[in-house]
Each structure stands twice: as C-alpha cells, then as structure tokens.
Amino acid sequence: MSLTPEMTSSLSQLSSHIKEIVDAQIVAINSLRVDAQIVAIDSLSPCFESLIDNRIS
C-alpha cells in the first residue's frame, strides 16, 4: 500500500501536533520545582527497581 498525498499530509500534521505536545510536556517538567521533581522521581523508583529485579532473576 502506498501513501496518498492526503495521507502524507495528515501524517505530517499529526507528527507536528505530537511534537508540540512533547515540547509542552518538556516545558512543564522543566518548570516544576526541584523538590517536586524529586518527589516524582522517588515515586517512580519502585517501578524501576521491580524492572531491574525482573531482569536480574
């Protein structure tokens, strides 16, 4: 199946929307106070620990 010009255009628009969303998320993360970032990272730690435990075992 080949892409039509309309499909290519739609994909391009979708891609730019996704980029805008990601950029906005990065700005939001960067604007968090450092202590809020630490709390967020601490809350993720158990997830990473269980992933590491699963890989080791």
N, C-alpha and C. Protein backbone atom coordinates (compact mmCIF):
# COMPACT_ATOMS: atom_id res chain seq x y z
N MET A 1 0.84 -1.19 0.00
CA MET A 1 0.00 0.00 0.00
C MET A 1 0.88 1.25 0.00
N SER A 2 0.62 2.14 -0.92
CA SER A 2 1.40 3.38 -0.97
C SER A 2 0.59 4.51 -0.34
N LEU A 3 1.31 5.48 0.19
CA LEU A 3 0.66 6.63 0.81
C LEU A 3 0.18 7.62 -0.24
N THR A 4 -1.03 8.07 -0.08
CA THR A 4 -1.54 9.12 -0.97
C THR A 4 -1.02 10.46 -0.44
N PRO A 5 -1.05 11.49 -1.26
CA PRO A 5 -0.63 12.82 -0.78
C PRO A 5 -1.44 13.26 0.45
N GLU A 6 -2.73 12.92 0.47
CA GLU A 6 -3.57 13.29 1.62
C GLU A 6 -3.09 12.59 2.89
N MET A 7 -2.73 11.31 2.77
CA MET A 7 -2.25 10.56 3.93
C MET A 7 -0.93 11.14 4.42
N THR A 8 -0.05 11.47 3.48
CA THR A 8 1.24 12.05 3.85
C THR A 8 1.04 13.37 4.58
N SER A 9 0.11 14.17 4.08
CA SER A 9 -0.18 15.46 4.70
C SER A 9 -0.74 15.26 6.11
N SER A 10 -1.65 14.30 6.26
CA SER A 10 -2.24 14.02 7.57
C SER A 10 -1.18 13.54 8.56
N LEU A 11 -0.29 12.66 8.09
CA LEU A 11 0.79 12.17 8.95
C LEU A 11 1.71 13.31 9.36
N SER A 12 1.98 14.20 8.43
CA SER A 12 2.85 15.34 8.74
C SER A 12 2.22 16.24 9.80
N GLN A 13 0.91 16.48 9.65
CA GLN A 13 0.20 17.30 10.64
C GLN A 13 0.18 16.62 12.00
N LEU A 14 -0.09 15.32 12.00
CA LEU A 14 -0.10 14.55 13.25
C LEU A 14 1.25 14.60 13.92
N SER A 15 2.29 14.44 13.13
CA SER A 15 3.65 14.48 13.65
C SER A 15 3.95 15.83 14.31
N SER A 16 3.54 16.91 13.67
CA SER A 16 3.82 18.23 14.25
C SER A 16 3.00 18.46 15.51
N HIS A 17 1.76 17.93 15.57
CA HIS A 17 0.95 18.03 16.79
C HIS A 17 1.61 17.27 17.93
N ILE A 18 2.11 16.07 17.63
CA ILE A 18 2.78 15.27 18.66
C ILE A 18 4.02 16.01 19.16
N LYS A 19 4.76 16.61 18.25
CA LYS A 19 5.95 17.37 18.65
C LYS A 19 5.57 18.53 19.56
N GLU A 20 4.48 19.23 19.25
CA GLU A 20 4.02 20.34 20.09
C GLU A 20 3.67 19.85 21.49
N ILE A 21 2.99 18.70 21.56
CA ILE A 21 2.59 18.14 22.85
C ILE A 21 3.83 17.77 23.68
N VAL A 22 4.78 17.10 23.03
CA VAL A 22 6.00 16.70 23.73
C VAL A 22 6.77 17.93 24.20
N ASP A 23 6.87 18.93 23.34
CA ASP A 23 7.56 20.17 23.73
C ASP A 23 6.88 20.81 24.94
N ALA A 24 5.56 20.83 24.94
CA ALA A 24 4.82 21.41 26.06
C ALA A 24 5.05 20.61 27.34
N GLN A 25 5.13 19.28 27.21
CA GLN A 25 5.41 18.43 28.38
C GLN A 25 6.80 18.71 28.92
N ILE A 26 7.77 18.88 28.03
CA ILE A 26 9.15 19.18 28.46
C ILE A 26 9.18 20.50 29.21
N VAL A 27 8.50 21.50 28.69
CA VAL A 27 8.44 22.81 29.36
C VAL A 27 7.80 22.65 30.74
N ALA A 28 6.72 21.88 30.82
CA ALA A 28 6.04 21.67 32.09
C ALA A 28 6.95 20.98 33.10
N ILE A 29 7.66 19.96 32.64
CA ILE A 29 8.58 19.24 33.52
C ILE A 29 9.70 20.17 33.99
N ASN A 30 10.25 20.94 33.06
CA ASN A 30 11.36 21.83 33.41
C ASN A 30 10.93 22.93 34.37
N SER A 31 9.65 23.29 34.33
CA SER A 31 9.18 24.37 35.19
C SER A 31 8.80 23.88 36.59
N LEU A 32 8.77 22.56 36.78
CA LEU A 32 8.49 22.04 38.11
C LEU A 32 9.59 22.45 39.07
N ARG A 33 9.20 22.70 40.29
CA ARG A 33 10.23 22.96 41.30
C ARG A 33 11.06 21.70 41.49
N VAL A 34 12.30 21.88 41.88
CA VAL A 34 13.22 20.76 42.03
C VAL A 34 12.67 19.74 43.02
N ASP A 35 12.10 20.21 44.13
CA ASP A 35 11.58 19.25 45.12
C ASP A 35 10.41 18.45 44.55
N ALA A 36 9.63 19.05 43.68
CA ALA A 36 8.53 18.30 43.05
C ALA A 36 9.09 17.25 42.10
N GLN A 37 10.18 17.57 41.43
CA GLN A 37 10.82 16.59 40.54
C GLN A 37 11.36 15.41 41.35
N ILE A 38 11.94 15.72 42.51
CA ILE A 38 12.49 14.66 43.36
C ILE A 38 11.37 13.74 43.84
N VAL A 39 10.25 14.32 44.24
CA VAL A 39 9.10 13.51 44.67
C VAL A 39 8.64 12.61 43.52
N ALA A 40 8.56 13.17 42.31
CA ALA A 40 8.12 12.39 41.15
C ALA A 40 9.10 11.25 40.86
N ILE A 41 10.39 11.55 40.94
CA ILE A 41 11.40 10.52 40.69
C ILE A 41 11.32 9.44 41.76
N ASP A 42 11.17 9.85 43.02
CA ASP A 42 11.06 8.88 44.12
C ASP A 42 9.86 7.96 43.92
N SER A 43 8.77 8.50 43.41
CA SER A 43 7.57 7.68 43.22
C SER A 43 7.77 6.67 42.09
N LEU A 44 8.71 6.96 41.17
CA LEU A 44 8.99 6.03 40.07
C LEU A 44 9.98 4.94 40.48
N SER A 45 10.77 5.20 41.51
CA SER A 45 11.82 4.27 41.91
C SER A 45 11.35 2.82 42.05
N PRO A 46 10.21 2.56 42.74
CA PRO A 46 9.77 1.17 42.87
C PRO A 46 9.53 0.50 41.51
N CYS A 47 9.04 1.26 40.54
CA CYS A 47 8.81 0.71 39.20
C CYS A 47 10.13 0.24 38.59
N PHE A 48 11.15 1.11 38.69
CA PHE A 48 12.44 0.77 38.12
C PHE A 48 13.07 -0.40 38.87
N GLU A 49 12.94 -0.38 40.20
CA GLU A 49 13.51 -1.47 41.00
C GLU A 49 12.90 -2.80 40.61
N SER A 50 11.58 -2.84 40.42
CA SER A 50 10.95 -4.11 40.05
C SER A 50 11.38 -4.54 38.64
N LEU A 51 11.56 -3.57 37.74
CA LEU A 51 12.06 -3.90 36.40
C LEU A 51 13.45 -4.50 36.47
N ILE A 52 14.30 -3.87 37.28
CA ILE A 52 15.68 -4.37 37.42
C ILE A 52 15.66 -5.76 38.06
N ASP A 53 14.85 -5.93 39.11
CA ASP A 53 14.74 -7.23 39.77
C ASP A 53 14.30 -8.30 38.79
N ASN A 54 13.34 -7.96 37.94
CA ASN A 54 12.83 -8.93 36.96
C ASN A 54 13.90 -9.30 35.94
N ARG A 55 14.72 -8.34 35.56
CA ARG A 55 15.77 -8.62 34.57
C ARG A 55 16.87 -9.49 35.17
N ILE A 56 17.16 -9.25 36.45
CA ILE A 56 18.24 -10.00 37.10
C ILE A 56 17.82 -11.45 37.31
N SER A 57 16.57 -11.64 37.73
CA SER A 57 16.13 -13.01 38.05
C SER A 57 15.76 -13.81 36.81
